[in-house]
Amino acid sequence: MGNNPKNQDGIEQEPIVGEIPDDPLTGHAYDGIQEFDNPLPGWWKWMFIGSIMFAFPYAAFYHGGAEGRTATERYDKALAENIRLQFAEIGELKMDRATVVKFLYEPNWLRVGKSVFKTNCVSCHGADGGGLVGPNLTDDAYKNVKDIGDILNVLENGAAGGAMPAWKTRLSPNELVLAASYVASLRGTEAADGKPAEGRVIAPWPEAPPEEAPAADEAADETKEDASEDASEPTAEKAAT
C-alpha cells in the first residue's frame, strides 16, 4: 500500500494532485470532502440586491390597480385586436343556422371560435368541453338543443333560468356565430374527464354546404357570355344579307 491519505472510514484515497489553497474552511465534511468558505462573487450579490430593488416598482406598476397593465389584460386586449382584424375579412356574419353550419366546416375560422370559447366558456364547460358546472358538449345528448341552430340561440339568449348566461350583450355577432360553430365541432370528440350525458340524443349535424362560386368567377363567366353574344351578332347579320 502507498502513503496516500485515508478518509474518516480508513479507506485510502487517491493522491492529491496540485496544491491545496490556503482558504478558510467551513468546518463541514462529507465523506472526507471538506468545503471551502469562499464568498459569493460581488457581481452576484449586486444582481441579487438589484432584483429585490426592482421588485418594488415592478409590483407597483403591474399590480397597483391601474387598468390594462397586467399580463392578462394586455393579452385580452391583443386577442380582441387580432379578432377584429380577422373579422374585417368576413364582415358581419348573419346570425342564423346556415352560417353556423358553414363555419363548422372551416377550420381556420373554428380557431377563432375556439379562442372565444377558451376565453369565456371553460369555467363551466371545461377546456375540452367535457363539462364542469355546465353539461358535457362532446357527446350526442343535449339539454337545450334540438338542432344546430339552437346552439346560437342558447349562446345569445341563455338557458336554464340564467344558469347558462346570455352572451348577446357581451360578444359580437361574429363571436357568437363562430363560438356556436366551435361548440358544434366538439361533438364526437373525447374529453379527458367528461361528465355523463344529459338531455336527449339528437340527430347528427348537417353535412357541409356546397362551396359557393366566387363572385369574381361569376362576373368573369358573364363577361365571356356577353363577348360571345357580341361576336355572334355580326355573323348572324352577314348570314341574313
C-alpha atoms as a PDB file:
ATOM      1  CA  MET A   1       0.000   0.000   0.000  1.00  0.00           C
ATOM      2  CA  GLY A   2       1.177   3.569  -0.605  1.00  0.00           C
ATOM      3  CA  ASN A   3       1.340   6.546   1.683  1.00  0.00           C
ATOM      4  CA  ASN A   4      -1.838   8.100   0.322  1.00  0.00           C
ATOM      5  CA  PRO A   5      -4.137   9.840   2.819  1.00  0.00           C
ATOM      6  CA  LYS A   6      -7.110   7.957   4.226  1.00  0.00           C
ATOM      7  CA  ASN A   7     -10.659   9.223   4.816  1.00  0.00           C
ATOM      8  CA  GLN A   8     -12.543   9.018   8.106  1.00  0.00           C
ATOM      9  CA  ASP A   9     -13.531   5.399   7.340  1.00  0.00           C
ATOM     10  CA  GLY A  10      -9.886   4.386   6.911  1.00  0.00           C
ATOM     11  CA  ILE A  11     -10.191   3.950   3.137  1.00  0.00           C
ATOM     12  CA  GLU A  12      -7.157   5.022   1.168  1.00  0.00           C
ATOM     13  CA  GLN A  13      -7.810   7.943  -1.194  1.00  0.00           C
ATOM     14  CA  GLU A  14      -6.266   8.929  -4.484  1.00  0.00           C
ATOM     15  CA  PRO A  15      -3.178  11.083  -4.194  1.00  0.00           C
ATOM     16  CA  ILE A  16      -3.774  14.832  -4.254  1.00  0.00           C
ATOM     17  CA  VAL A  17      -2.642  16.495  -7.461  1.00  0.00           C
ATOM     18  CA  GLY A  18      -1.564  20.119  -7.230  1.00  0.00           C
ATOM     19  CA  GLU A  19      -1.542  22.463  -4.285  1.00  0.00           C
ATOM     20  CA  ILE A  20      -4.323  22.840  -1.748  1.00  0.00           C
ATOM     21  CA  PRO A  21      -5.402  26.505  -1.454  1.00  0.00           C
ATOM     22  CA  ASP A  22      -4.885  28.062   1.930  1.00  0.00           C
ATOM     23  CA  ASP A  23      -8.505  29.307   2.013  1.00  0.00           C
ATOM     24  CA  PRO A  24     -10.667  29.148   5.140  1.00  0.00           C
ATOM     25  CA  LEU A  25     -12.874  26.090   5.565  1.00  0.00           C
ATOM     26  CA  THR A  26     -16.493  25.949   6.727  1.00  0.00           C
ATOM     27  CA  GLY A  27     -15.848  23.038   9.042  1.00  0.00           C
ATOM     28  CA  HIS A  28     -18.280  20.828   7.093  1.00  0.00           C
ATOM     29  CA  ALA A  29     -17.023  17.475   5.859  1.00  0.00           C
ATOM     30  CA  TYR A  30     -18.922  14.996   3.672  1.00  0.00           C
ATOM     31  CA  ASP A  31     -17.325  11.604   3.083  1.00  0.00           C
ATOM     32  CA  GLY A  32     -13.935  13.128   3.810  1.00  0.00           C
ATOM     33  CA  ILE A  33     -14.564  16.056   1.442  1.00  0.00           C
ATOM     34  CA  GLN A  34     -14.142  19.436   3.119  1.00  0.00           C
ATOM     35  CA  GLU A  35     -15.858  22.621   1.994  1.00  0.00           C
ATOM     36  CA  PHE A  36     -14.064  25.899   1.402  1.00  0.00           C
ATOM     37  CA  ASP A  37     -15.696  29.041   2.810  1.00  0.00           C
ATOM     38  CA  ASN A  38     -15.382  31.116  -0.365  1.00  0.00           C
ATOM     39  CA  PRO A  39     -17.551  34.243  -0.563  1.00  0.00           C
ATOM     40  CA  LEU A  40     -20.030  34.810  -3.399  1.00  0.00           C
ATOM     41  CA  PRO A  41     -18.763  36.983  -6.259  1.00  0.00           C
ATOM     42  CA  GLY A  42     -19.524  40.665  -5.916  1.00  0.00           C
ATOM     43  CA  TRP A  43     -21.438  40.799  -9.207  1.00  0.00           C
ATOM     44  CA  TRP A  44     -23.766  38.021  -7.974  1.00  0.00           C
ATOM     45  CA  LYS A  45     -24.518  39.895  -4.752  1.00  0.00           C
ATOM     46  CA  TRP A  46     -25.302  43.123  -6.599  1.00  0.00           C
ATOM     47  CA  MET A  47     -27.604  41.295  -9.042  1.00  0.00           C
ATOM     48  CA  PHE A  48     -29.456  39.793  -6.102  1.00  0.00           C
ATOM     49  CA  ILE A  49     -29.819  43.187  -4.392  1.00  0.00           C
ATOM     50  CA  GLY A  50     -30.851  44.779  -7.693  1.00  0.00           C
ATOM     51  CA  SER A  51     -33.567  42.192  -8.302  1.00  0.00           C
ATOM     52  CA  ILE A  52     -35.026  42.927  -4.873  1.00  0.00           C
ATOM     53  CA  MET A  53     -34.996  46.688  -5.523  1.00  0.00           C
ATOM     54  CA  PHE A  54     -36.537  46.143  -8.970  1.00  0.00           C
ATOM     55  CA  ALA A  55     -39.419  44.138  -7.485  1.00  0.00           C
ATOM     56  CA  PHE A  56     -40.942  47.171  -5.747  1.00  0.00           C
ATOM     57  CA  PRO A  57     -41.548  49.409  -8.818  1.00  0.00           C
ATOM     58  CA  TYR A  58     -42.478  46.322 -10.870  1.00  0.00           C
ATOM     59  CA  ALA A  59     -45.190  45.328  -8.387  1.00  0.00           C
ATOM     60  CA  ALA A  60     -46.438  48.913  -8.144  1.00  0.00           C
ATOM     61  CA  PHE A  61     -46.673  49.308 -11.929  1.00  0.00           C
ATOM     62  CA  TYR A  62     -48.207  45.961 -12.883  1.00  0.00           C
ATOM     63  CA  HIS A  63     -50.215  45.156  -9.763  1.00  0.00           C
ATOM     64  CA  GLY A  64     -51.077  48.585  -8.421  1.00  0.00           C
ATOM     65  CA  GLY A  65     -54.637  48.512  -9.744  1.00  0.00           C
ATOM     66  CA  ALA A  66     -54.137  50.582 -12.922  1.00  0.00           C
ATOM     67  CA  GLU A  67     -56.302  49.256 -15.760  1.00  0.00           C
ATOM     68  CA  GLY A  68     -54.707  47.491 -18.699  1.00  0.00           C
ATOM     69  CA  ARG A  69     -51.288  46.794 -17.199  1.00  0.00           C
ATOM     70  CA  THR A  70     -51.469  43.169 -16.072  1.00  0.00           C
ATOM     71  CA  ALA A  71     -50.333  40.415 -18.412  1.00  0.00           C
ATOM     72  CA  THR A  72     -53.875  39.039 -18.567  1.00  0.00           C
ATOM     73  CA  GLU A  73     -55.400  42.377 -19.527  1.00  0.00           C
ATOM     74  CA  ARG A  74     -52.767  43.032 -22.169  1.00  0.00           C
ATOM     75  CA  TYR A  75     -53.308  39.558 -23.583  1.00  0.00           C
ATOM     76  CA  ASP A  76     -57.077  40.082 -23.735  1.00  0.00           C
ATOM     77  CA  LYS A  77     -56.556  43.417 -25.489  1.00  0.00           C
ATOM     78  CA  ALA A  78     -54.190  41.893 -28.062  1.00  0.00           C
ATOM     79  CA  LEU A  79     -56.574  38.973 -28.615  1.00  0.00           C
ATOM     80  CA  ALA A  80     -59.518  41.313 -29.176  1.00  0.00           C
ATOM     81  CA  GLU A  81     -57.487  43.371 -31.648  1.00  0.00           C
ATOM     82  CA  ASN A  82     -56.454  40.261 -33.527  1.00  0.00           C
ATOM     83  CA  ILE A  83     -60.061  39.058 -33.717  1.00  0.00           C
ATOM     84  CA  ARG A  84     -61.155  42.460 -35.079  1.00  0.00           C
ATOM     85  CA  LEU A  85     -58.546  42.229 -37.829  1.00  0.00           C
ATOM     86  CA  GLN A  86     -59.723  38.753 -38.760  1.00  0.00           C
ATOM     87  CA  PHE A  87     -63.379  39.788 -38.757  1.00  0.00           C
ATOM     88  CA  ALA A  88     -62.551  42.525 -41.264  1.00  0.00           C
ATOM     89  CA  GLU A  89     -62.075  39.726 -43.819  1.00  0.00           C
ATOM     90  CA  ILE A  90     -65.601  38.341 -43.495  1.00  0.00           C
ATOM     91  CA  GLY A  91     -67.640  41.378 -42.458  1.00  0.00           C
ATOM     92  CA  GLU A  92     -70.581  40.953 -40.105  1.00  0.00           C
ATOM     93  CA  LEU A  93     -71.981  37.433 -40.231  1.00  0.00           C
ATOM     94  CA  LYS A  94     -75.640  36.536 -40.336  1.00  0.00           C
ATOM     95  CA  MET A  95     -76.798  35.067 -37.050  1.00  0.00           C
ATOM     96  CA  ASP A  96     -78.615  32.090 -38.481  1.00  0.00           C
ATOM     97  CA  ARG A  97     -78.433  28.330 -38.736  1.00  0.00           C
ATOM     98  CA  ALA A  98     -76.891  28.285 -42.227  1.00  0.00           C
ATOM     99  CA  THR A  99     -73.958  30.434 -41.124  1.00  0.00           C
ATOM    100  CA  VAL A 100     -73.265  28.219 -38.110  1.00  0.00           C
ATOM    101  CA  VAL A 101     -73.240  25.155 -40.398  1.00  0.00           C
ATOM    102  CA  LYS A 102     -70.986  26.876 -42.926  1.00  0.00           C
ATOM    103  CA  PHE A 103     -68.279  27.792 -40.404  1.00  0.00           C
ATOM    104  CA  LEU A 104     -68.497  24.389 -38.719  1.00  0.00           C
ATOM    105  CA  TYR A 105     -66.550  23.114 -41.737  1.00  0.00           C
ATOM    106  CA  GLU A 106     -63.989  25.933 -41.952  1.00  0.00           C
ATOM    107  CA  PRO A 107     -61.046  25.041 -39.657  1.00  0.00           C
ATOM    108  CA  ASN A 108     -59.354  28.448 -39.878  1.00  0.00           C
ATOM    109  CA  TRP A 109     -62.412  30.222 -38.510  1.00  0.00           C
ATOM    110  CA  LEU A 110     -63.077  27.470 -35.978  1.00  0.00           C
ATOM    111  CA  ARG A 111     -59.797  28.515 -34.360  1.00  0.00           C
ATOM    112  CA  VAL A 112     -61.290  31.957 -33.782  1.00  0.00           C
ATOM    113  CA  GLY A 113     -64.386  30.345 -32.256  1.00  0.00           C
ATOM    114  CA  LYS A 114     -62.090  28.244 -30.090  1.00  0.00           C
ATOM    115  CA  SER A 115     -60.368  31.363 -28.737  1.00  0.00           C
ATOM    116  CA  VAL A 116     -63.778  32.836 -27.842  1.00  0.00           C
ATOM    117  CA  PHE A 117     -64.706  29.568 -26.104  1.00  0.00           C
ATOM    118  CA  LYS A 118     -61.395  29.390 -24.213  1.00  0.00           C
ATOM    119  CA  THR A 119     -61.797  32.966 -23.011  1.00  0.00           C
ATOM    120  CA  ASN A 120     -65.415  32.775 -21.860  1.00  0.00           C
ATOM    121  CA  CYS A 121     -66.668  29.205 -21.511  1.00  0.00           C
ATOM    122  CA  VAL A 122     -64.040  26.947 -19.946  1.00  0.00           C
ATOM    123  CA  SER A 123     -65.015  27.806 -16.361  1.00  0.00           C
ATOM    124  CA  CYS A 124     -68.347  25.990 -16.852  1.00  0.00           C
ATOM    125  CA  HIS A 125     -67.719  23.566 -19.713  1.00  0.00           C
ATOM    126  CA  GLY A 126     -64.029  22.703 -19.270  1.00  0.00           C
ATOM    127  CA  ALA A 127     -61.132  23.348 -21.631  1.00  0.00           C
ATOM    128  CA  ASP A 128     -62.023  20.311 -23.763  1.00  0.00           C
ATOM    129  CA  GLY A 129     -65.804  20.709 -23.500  1.00  0.00           C
ATOM    130  CA  GLY A 130     -66.193  17.767 -21.117  1.00  0.00           C
ATOM    131  CA  GLY A 131     -68.328  19.769 -18.702  1.00  0.00           C
ATOM    132  CA  LEU A 132     -67.810  21.127 -15.189  1.00  0.00           C
ATOM    133  CA  VAL A 133     -70.746  23.114 -13.866  1.00  0.00           C
ATOM    134  CA  GLY A 134     -72.222  23.095 -17.359  1.00  0.00           C
ATOM    135  CA  PRO A 135     -73.042  19.995 -19.413  1.00  0.00           C
ATOM    136  CA  ASN A 136     -70.714  17.863 -21.482  1.00  0.00           C
ATOM    137  CA  LEU A 137     -70.519  19.243 -25.045  1.00  0.00           C
ATOM    138  CA  THR A 138     -68.708  16.276 -26.591  1.00  0.00           C
ATOM    139  CA  ASP A 139     -71.445  13.617 -26.555  1.00  0.00           C
ATOM    140  CA  ASP A 140     -74.643  13.299 -28.632  1.00  0.00           C
ATOM    141  CA  ALA A 141     -77.084  14.335 -25.889  1.00  0.00           C
ATOM    142  CA  TYR A 142     -78.214  17.940 -25.392  1.00  0.00           C
ATOM    143  CA  LYS A 143     -80.457  19.614 -22.826  1.00  0.00           C
ATOM    144  CA  ASN A 144     -81.476  22.782 -24.665  1.00  0.00           C
ATOM    145  CA  VAL A 145     -80.559  21.948 -28.265  1.00  0.00           C
ATOM    146  CA  LYS A 146     -82.636  20.062 -30.839  1.00  0.00           C
ATOM    147  CA  ASP A 147     -80.881  21.400 -33.921  1.00  0.00           C
ATOM    148  CA  ILE A 148     -77.507  23.021 -34.604  1.00  0.00           C
ATOM    149  CA  GLY A 149     -79.159  26.430 -34.896  1.00  0.00           C
ATOM    150  CA  ASP A 150     -80.307  26.178 -31.278  1.00  0.00           C
ATOM    151  CA  ILE A 151     -76.678  26.441 -30.110  1.00  0.00           C
ATOM    152  CA  LEU A 152     -76.559  30.002 -31.396  1.00  0.00           C
ATOM    153  CA  ASN A 153     -79.871  30.771 -29.700  1.00  0.00           C
ATOM    154  CA  VAL A 154     -78.621  29.391 -26.360  1.00  0.00           C
ATOM    155  CA  LEU A 155     -75.425  31.408 -26.591  1.00  0.00           C
ATOM    156  CA  GLU A 156     -77.323  34.537 -27.497  1.00  0.00           C
ATOM    157  CA  ASN A 157     -80.192  34.351 -25.006  1.00  0.00           C
ATOM    158  CA  GLY A 158     -79.020  31.943 -22.310  1.00  0.00           C
ATOM    159  CA  ALA A 159     -80.874  28.934 -20.913  1.00  0.00           C
ATOM    160  CA  ALA A 160     -81.863  27.079 -17.747  1.00  0.00           C
ATOM    161  CA  GLY A 161     -83.173  30.152 -15.987  1.00  0.00           C
ATOM    162  CA  GLY A 162     -79.876  32.000 -16.170  1.00  0.00           C
ATOM    163  CA  ALA A 163     -77.599  29.092 -15.286  1.00  0.00           C
ATOM    164  CA  MET A 164     -76.342  29.491 -18.845  1.00  0.00           C
ATOM    165  CA  PRO A 165     -75.907  33.287 -19.197  1.00  0.00           C
ATOM    166  CA  ALA A 166     -76.933  35.282 -22.248  1.00  0.00           C
ATOM    167  CA  TRP A 167     -73.914  36.452 -24.217  1.00  0.00           C
ATOM    168  CA  LYS A 168     -75.606  38.766 -26.731  1.00  0.00           C
ATOM    169  CA  THR A 169     -74.570  41.877 -24.785  1.00  0.00           C
ATOM    170  CA  ARG A 170     -71.001  40.670 -24.189  1.00  0.00           C
ATOM    171  CA  LEU A 171     -69.953  39.188 -27.518  1.00  0.00           C
ATOM    172  CA  SER A 172     -70.216  40.486 -31.069  1.00  0.00           C
ATOM    173  CA  PRO A 173     -72.422  38.678 -33.623  1.00  0.00           C
ATOM    174  CA  ASN A 174     -69.335  37.209 -35.299  1.00  0.00           C
ATOM    175  CA  GLU A 175     -68.003  35.902 -31.995  1.00  0.00           C
ATOM    176  CA  LEU A 176     -71.375  34.313 -31.207  1.00  0.00           C
ATOM    177  CA  VAL A 177     -71.613  32.593 -34.590  1.00  0.00           C
ATOM    178  CA  LEU A 178     -68.059  31.275 -34.561  1.00  0.00           C
ATOM    179  CA  ALA A 179     -68.348  30.175 -30.935  1.00  0.00           C
ATOM    180  CA  ALA A 180     -71.543  28.288 -31.840  1.00  0.00           C
ATOM    181  CA  SER A 181     -69.727  26.575 -34.720  1.00  0.00           C
ATOM    182  CA  TYR A 182     -66.860  25.623 -32.431  1.00  0.00           C
ATOM    183  CA  VAL A 183     -69.226  24.230 -29.777  1.00  0.00           C
ATOM    184  CA  ALA A 184     -70.866  22.148 -32.502  1.00  0.00           C
ATOM    185  CA  SER A 185     -67.422  20.895 -33.576  1.00  0.00           C
ATOM    186  CA  LEU A 186     -66.809  19.488 -30.078  1.00  0.00           C
ATOM    187  CA  ARG A 187     -69.479  16.869 -30.653  1.00  0.00           C
ATOM    188  CA  GLY A 188     -67.881  13.457 -31.084  1.00  0.00           C
ATOM    189  CA  THR A 189     -64.533  14.464 -29.579  1.00  0.00           C
ATOM    190  CA  GLU A 190     -63.125  12.814 -26.469  1.00  0.00           C
ATOM    191  CA  ALA A 191     -62.906  14.768 -23.215  1.00  0.00           C
ATOM    192  CA  ALA A 192     -60.316  13.770 -20.626  1.00  0.00           C
ATOM    193  CA  ASP A 193     -62.845  13.520 -17.812  1.00  0.00           C
ATOM    194  CA  GLY A 194     -66.238  14.165 -19.367  1.00  0.00           C
ATOM    195  CA  LYS A 195     -69.456  14.312 -17.386  1.00  0.00           C
ATOM    196  CA  PRO A 196     -72.198  11.747 -18.057  1.00  0.00           C
ATOM    197  CA  ALA A 197     -74.576  12.585 -20.886  1.00  0.00           C
ATOM    198  CA  GLU A 198     -77.510  14.857 -20.034  1.00  0.00           C
ATOM    199  CA  GLY A 199     -80.660  15.505 -22.035  1.00  0.00           C
ATOM    200  CA  ARG A 200     -81.753  13.784 -25.227  1.00  0.00           C
ATOM    201  CA  VAL A 201     -79.761  12.341 -28.108  1.00  0.00           C
ATOM    202  CA  ILE A 202     -80.413  14.391 -31.243  1.00  0.00           C
ATOM    203  CA  ALA A 203     -79.823  13.879 -34.965  1.00  0.00           C
ATOM    204  CA  PRO A 204     -76.326  14.397 -36.419  1.00  0.00           C
ATOM    205  CA  TRP A 205     -75.291  17.840 -37.665  1.00  0.00           C
ATOM    206  CA  PRO A 206     -75.954  18.687 -41.313  1.00  0.00           C
ATOM    207  CA  GLU A 207     -73.346  17.929 -43.954  1.00  0.00           C
ATOM    208  CA  ALA A 208     -71.071  20.671 -45.222  1.00  0.00           C
ATOM    209  CA  PRO A 209     -72.890  23.016 -47.626  1.00  0.00           C
ATOM    210  CA  PRO A 210     -71.729  23.097 -51.273  1.00  0.00           C
ATOM    211  CA  GLU A 211     -68.980  25.614 -51.922  1.00  0.00           C
ATOM    212  CA  GLU A 212     -70.204  28.896 -53.289  1.00  0.00           C
ATOM    213  CA  ALA A 213     -68.723  30.081 -56.563  1.00  0.00           C
ATOM    214  CA  PRO A 214     -66.674  33.246 -56.005  1.00  0.00           C
ATOM    215  CA  ALA A 215     -68.316  36.433 -57.238  1.00  0.00           C
ATOM    216  CA  ALA A 216     -65.283  37.211 -59.402  1.00  0.00           C
ATOM    217  CA  ASP A 217     -65.654  33.908 -61.268  1.00  0.00           C
ATOM    218  CA  GLU A 218     -69.341  34.566 -61.856  1.00  0.00           C
ATOM    219  CA  ALA A 219     -68.568  38.029 -63.202  1.00  0.00           C
ATOM    220  CA  ALA A 220     -65.902  36.574 -65.498  1.00  0.00           C
ATOM    221  CA  ASP A 221     -68.377  33.993 -66.832  1.00  0.00           C
ATOM    222  CA  GLU A 222     -70.924  36.728 -67.526  1.00  0.00           C
ATOM    223  CA  THR A 223     -68.274  38.761 -69.377  1.00  0.00           C
ATOM    224  CA  LYS A 224     -67.391  35.759 -71.554  1.00  0.00           C
ATOM    225  CA  GLU A 225     -71.046  35.177 -72.350  1.00  0.00           C
ATOM    226  CA  ASP A 226     -71.538  38.832 -73.341  1.00  0.00           C
ATOM    227  CA  ALA A 227     -68.425  38.722 -75.513  1.00  0.00           C
ATOM    228  CA  SER A 228     -69.582  35.575 -77.292  1.00  0.00           C
ATOM    229  CA  GLU A 229     -73.005  37.098 -77.942  1.00  0.00           C
ATOM    230  CA  ASP A 230     -71.420  40.244 -79.371  1.00  0.00           C
ATOM    231  CA  ALA A 231     -69.188  38.146 -81.608  1.00  0.00           C
ATOM    232  CA  SER A 232     -72.110  36.137 -82.922  1.00  0.00           C
ATOM    233  CA  GLU A 233     -74.250  39.189 -83.871  1.00  0.00           C
ATOM    234  CA  PRO A 234     -72.168  40.283 -86.946  1.00  0.00           C
ATOM    235  CA  THR A 235     -72.115  36.686 -88.154  1.00  0.00           C
ATOM    236  CA  ALA A 236     -75.880  36.485 -87.927  1.00  0.00           C
ATOM    237  CA  GLU A 237     -76.284  39.828 -89.765  1.00  0.00           C
ATOM    238  CA  LYS A 238     -73.882  38.695 -92.524  1.00  0.00           C
ATOM    239  CA  ALA A 239     -75.810  35.484 -92.943  1.00  0.00           C
ATOM    240  CA  ALA A 240     -79.080  37.405 -93.238  1.00  0.00           C
ATOM    241  CA  THR A 241     -77.688  39.611 -96.022  1.00  0.00           C
END
